[in-house]
Amino acid sequence: PRGLAASRAALRSGGALAIWSAGPLPAFPKRLGRAGFLVAEHAERARGKRGGARHVVWVARKAA
């Protein structure tokens, strides 16, 4: 929680923080929300249409 709070404090209003993961973490978007971020989750295959592991990127925005 302290790291997310420090990240949020470093952003300007409307700023964004992107976080990558090699796999899904169902509780993480909730943790970002509790830290005061608006969250969008993007899941992509490692090799696009050819498949591969499913990677996740969360874009956490500081509300304007």
N, C-alpha and C. Protein backbone atom coordinates (compact mmCIF):
# COMPACT_ATOMS: atom_id res chain seq x y z
N PRO A 1 0.81 -1.22 0.00
CA PRO A 1 0.00 0.00 0.00
C PRO A 1 0.84 1.28 0.00
N ARG A 2 1.99 1.26 0.69
CA ARG A 2 2.81 2.48 0.72
C ARG A 2 3.39 2.79 -0.65
N GLY A 3 3.80 1.77 -1.39
CA GLY A 3 4.35 1.98 -2.72
C GLY A 3 3.31 2.54 -3.68
N LEU A 4 2.09 2.04 -3.60
CA LEU A 4 1.02 2.56 -4.45
C LEU A 4 0.67 3.99 -4.06
N ALA A 5 0.66 4.27 -2.77
CA ALA A 5 0.37 5.64 -2.31
C ALA A 5 1.46 6.60 -2.80
N ALA A 6 2.71 6.17 -2.75
CA ALA A 6 3.81 7.02 -3.22
C ALA A 6 3.71 7.23 -4.73
N SER A 7 3.34 6.18 -5.45
CA SER A 7 3.17 6.31 -6.91
C SER A 7 2.06 7.29 -7.24
N ARG A 8 0.95 7.19 -6.53
CA ARG A 8 -0.19 8.09 -6.76
C ARG A 8 0.20 9.53 -6.45
N ALA A 9 0.93 9.73 -5.36
CA ALA A 9 1.34 11.08 -4.96
C ALA A 9 2.28 11.70 -5.99
N ALA A 10 3.05 10.88 -6.70
CA ALA A 10 4.00 11.39 -7.68
C ALA A 10 3.34 11.81 -8.99
N LEU A 11 2.10 11.37 -9.20
CA LEU A 11 1.40 11.68 -10.45
C LEU A 11 0.67 13.02 -10.38
N ARG A 12 0.60 13.67 -11.52
CA ARG A 12 -0.25 14.86 -11.63
C ARG A 12 -1.69 14.41 -11.77
N SER A 13 -2.61 15.32 -11.58
CA SER A 13 -4.02 15.03 -11.78
C SER A 13 -4.23 14.51 -13.19
N GLY A 14 -4.89 13.36 -13.33
CA GLY A 14 -5.10 12.75 -14.63
C GLY A 14 -3.94 11.89 -15.11
N GLY A 15 -2.85 11.84 -14.34
CA GLY A 15 -1.68 11.04 -14.71
C GLY A 15 -1.95 9.55 -14.64
N ALA A 16 -1.10 8.75 -15.28
CA ALA A 16 -1.31 7.31 -15.34
C ALA A 16 -0.07 6.54 -14.92
N LEU A 17 -0.31 5.40 -14.34
CA LEU A 17 0.72 4.45 -13.95
C LEU A 17 0.37 3.13 -14.64
N ALA A 18 1.29 2.53 -15.38
CA ALA A 18 1.06 1.24 -16.03
C ALA A 18 1.89 0.17 -15.31
N ILE A 19 1.24 -0.95 -15.03
CA ILE A 19 1.89 -2.05 -14.32
C ILE A 19 1.68 -3.32 -15.11
N TRP A 20 2.77 -4.05 -15.41
CA TRP A 20 2.73 -5.28 -16.18
C TRP A 20 2.84 -6.48 -15.27
N SER A 21 2.15 -7.57 -15.64
CA SER A 21 2.27 -8.83 -14.93
C SER A 21 2.31 -9.97 -15.94
N ALA A 22 3.05 -11.01 -15.63
CA ALA A 22 3.14 -12.18 -16.50
C ALA A 22 1.88 -13.02 -16.46
N GLY A 23 0.96 -12.69 -15.56
CA GLY A 23 -0.29 -13.45 -15.46
C GLY A 23 -1.32 -12.68 -14.66
N PRO A 24 -2.55 -13.16 -14.66
CA PRO A 24 -3.62 -12.46 -13.94
C PRO A 24 -3.43 -12.50 -12.42
N LEU A 25 -3.81 -11.43 -11.79
CA LEU A 25 -3.84 -11.31 -10.33
C LEU A 25 -5.19 -10.70 -9.97
N PRO A 26 -6.22 -11.52 -9.75
CA PRO A 26 -7.57 -11.01 -9.59
C PRO A 26 -7.75 -9.93 -8.50
N ALA A 27 -6.97 -9.98 -7.45
CA ALA A 27 -7.13 -9.02 -6.35
C ALA A 27 -6.43 -7.69 -6.63
N PHE A 28 -5.52 -7.65 -7.60
CA PHE A 28 -4.72 -6.44 -7.79
C PHE A 28 -5.52 -5.22 -8.21
N PRO A 29 -6.48 -5.33 -9.14
CA PRO A 29 -7.27 -4.13 -9.48
C PRO A 29 -8.00 -3.53 -8.27
N LYS A 30 -8.46 -4.39 -7.37
CA LYS A 30 -9.11 -3.90 -6.15
C LYS A 30 -8.12 -3.13 -5.28
N ARG A 31 -6.90 -3.65 -5.20
CA ARG A 31 -5.86 -2.98 -4.42
C ARG A 31 -5.55 -1.60 -5.00
N LEU A 32 -5.47 -1.52 -6.34
CA LEU A 32 -5.25 -0.22 -6.99
C LEU A 32 -6.41 0.73 -6.70
N GLY A 33 -7.62 0.21 -6.74
CA GLY A 33 -8.80 1.04 -6.44
C GLY A 33 -8.77 1.57 -5.02
N ARG A 34 -8.39 0.71 -4.07
CA ARG A 34 -8.31 1.15 -2.67
C ARG A 34 -7.23 2.22 -2.48
N ALA A 35 -6.23 2.22 -3.38
CA ALA A 35 -5.16 3.23 -3.31
C ALA A 35 -5.58 4.54 -3.98
N GLY A 36 -6.80 4.59 -4.51
CA GLY A 36 -7.30 5.83 -5.08
C GLY A 36 -7.17 5.96 -6.59
N PHE A 37 -6.91 4.86 -7.27
CA PHE A 37 -6.77 4.88 -8.73
C PHE A 37 -8.06 4.45 -9.42
N LEU A 38 -8.27 4.94 -10.63
CA LEU A 38 -9.27 4.42 -11.55
C LEU A 38 -8.53 3.41 -12.41
N VAL A 39 -9.04 2.20 -12.54
CA VAL A 39 -8.26 1.11 -13.12
C VAL A 39 -8.88 0.55 -14.40
N ALA A 40 -8.04 0.31 -15.39
CA ALA A 40 -8.42 -0.43 -16.60
C ALA A 40 -7.44 -1.60 -16.73
N GLU A 41 -7.97 -2.78 -17.03
CA GLU A 41 -7.15 -3.97 -17.17
C GLU A 41 -7.13 -4.41 -18.63
N HIS A 42 -5.93 -4.71 -19.13
CA HIS A 42 -5.76 -5.15 -20.52
C HIS A 42 -5.03 -6.48 -20.51
N ALA A 43 -5.65 -7.53 -21.05
CA ALA A 43 -5.03 -8.85 -21.14
C ALA A 43 -4.66 -9.11 -22.60
N GLU A 44 -3.44 -9.52 -22.82
CA GLU A 44 -2.93 -9.76 -24.18
C GLU A 44 -2.14 -11.06 -24.21
N ARG A 45 -2.14 -11.71 -25.35
CA ARG A 45 -1.32 -12.90 -25.53
C ARG A 45 0.12 -12.48 -25.81
N ALA A 46 1.07 -13.26 -25.34
CA ALA A 46 2.48 -12.93 -25.48
C ALA A 46 2.89 -12.81 -26.95
N ARG A 47 2.29 -13.62 -27.81
CA ARG A 47 2.65 -13.59 -29.23
C ARG A 47 1.48 -13.16 -30.10
N GLY A 48 0.64 -12.28 -29.55
CA GLY A 48 -0.49 -11.77 -30.32
C GLY A 48 -1.43 -12.89 -30.75
N LYS A 49 -1.81 -12.92 -31.99
CA LYS A 49 -2.76 -13.91 -32.50
C LYS A 49 -2.18 -15.32 -32.55
N ARG A 50 -0.86 -15.43 -32.42
CA ARG A 50 -0.22 -16.75 -32.44
C ARG A 50 -0.29 -17.43 -31.08
N GLY A 51 -0.81 -16.77 -30.06
CA GLY A 51 -0.98 -17.39 -28.75
C GLY A 51 0.11 -17.04 -27.76
N GLY A 52 0.42 -18.00 -26.94
CA GLY A 52 1.41 -17.78 -25.89
C GLY A 52 0.74 -17.43 -24.57
N ALA A 53 1.57 -17.15 -23.59
CA ALA A 53 1.07 -16.81 -22.26
C ALA A 53 0.20 -15.56 -22.31
N ARG A 54 -0.70 -15.46 -21.36
CA ARG A 54 -1.56 -14.28 -21.27
C ARG A 54 -0.94 -13.31 -20.27
N HIS A 55 -0.53 -12.16 -20.76
CA HIS A 55 0.05 -11.11 -19.93
C HIS A 55 -1.03 -10.09 -19.60
N VAL A 56 -0.85 -9.39 -18.49
CA VAL A 56 -1.83 -8.39 -18.06
C VAL A 56 -1.11 -7.06 -17.83
N VAL A 57 -1.74 -5.98 -18.29
CA VAL A 57 -1.26 -4.63 -17.99
C VAL A 57 -2.42 -3.87 -17.38
N TRP A 58 -2.16 -3.28 -16.22
CA TRP A 58 -3.16 -2.43 -15.59
C TRP A 58 -2.74 -0.98 -15.81
N VAL A 59 -3.68 -0.17 -16.22
CA VAL A 59 -3.45 1.26 -16.35
C VAL A 59 -4.24 1.90 -15.22
N ALA A 60 -3.53 2.50 -14.29
CA ALA A 60 -4.13 3.11 -13.11
C ALA A 60 -4.02 4.63 -13.26
N ARG A 61 -5.15 5.31 -13.26
CA ARG A 61 -5.17 6.76 -13.44
C ARG A 61 -5.52 7.45 -12.12
N LYS A 62 -4.85 8.56 -11.92
CA LYS A 62 -5.18 9.44 -10.79
C LYS A 62 -6.33 10.33 -11.23
N ALA A 63 -7.41 10.29 -10.50
CA ALA A 63 -8.59 11.07 -10.88
C ALA A 63 -8.24 12.55 -11.03
N ALA A 64 -8.84 13.17 -12.03
CA ALA A 64 -8.60 14.61 -12.30
C ALA A 64 -9.25 15.48 -11.25
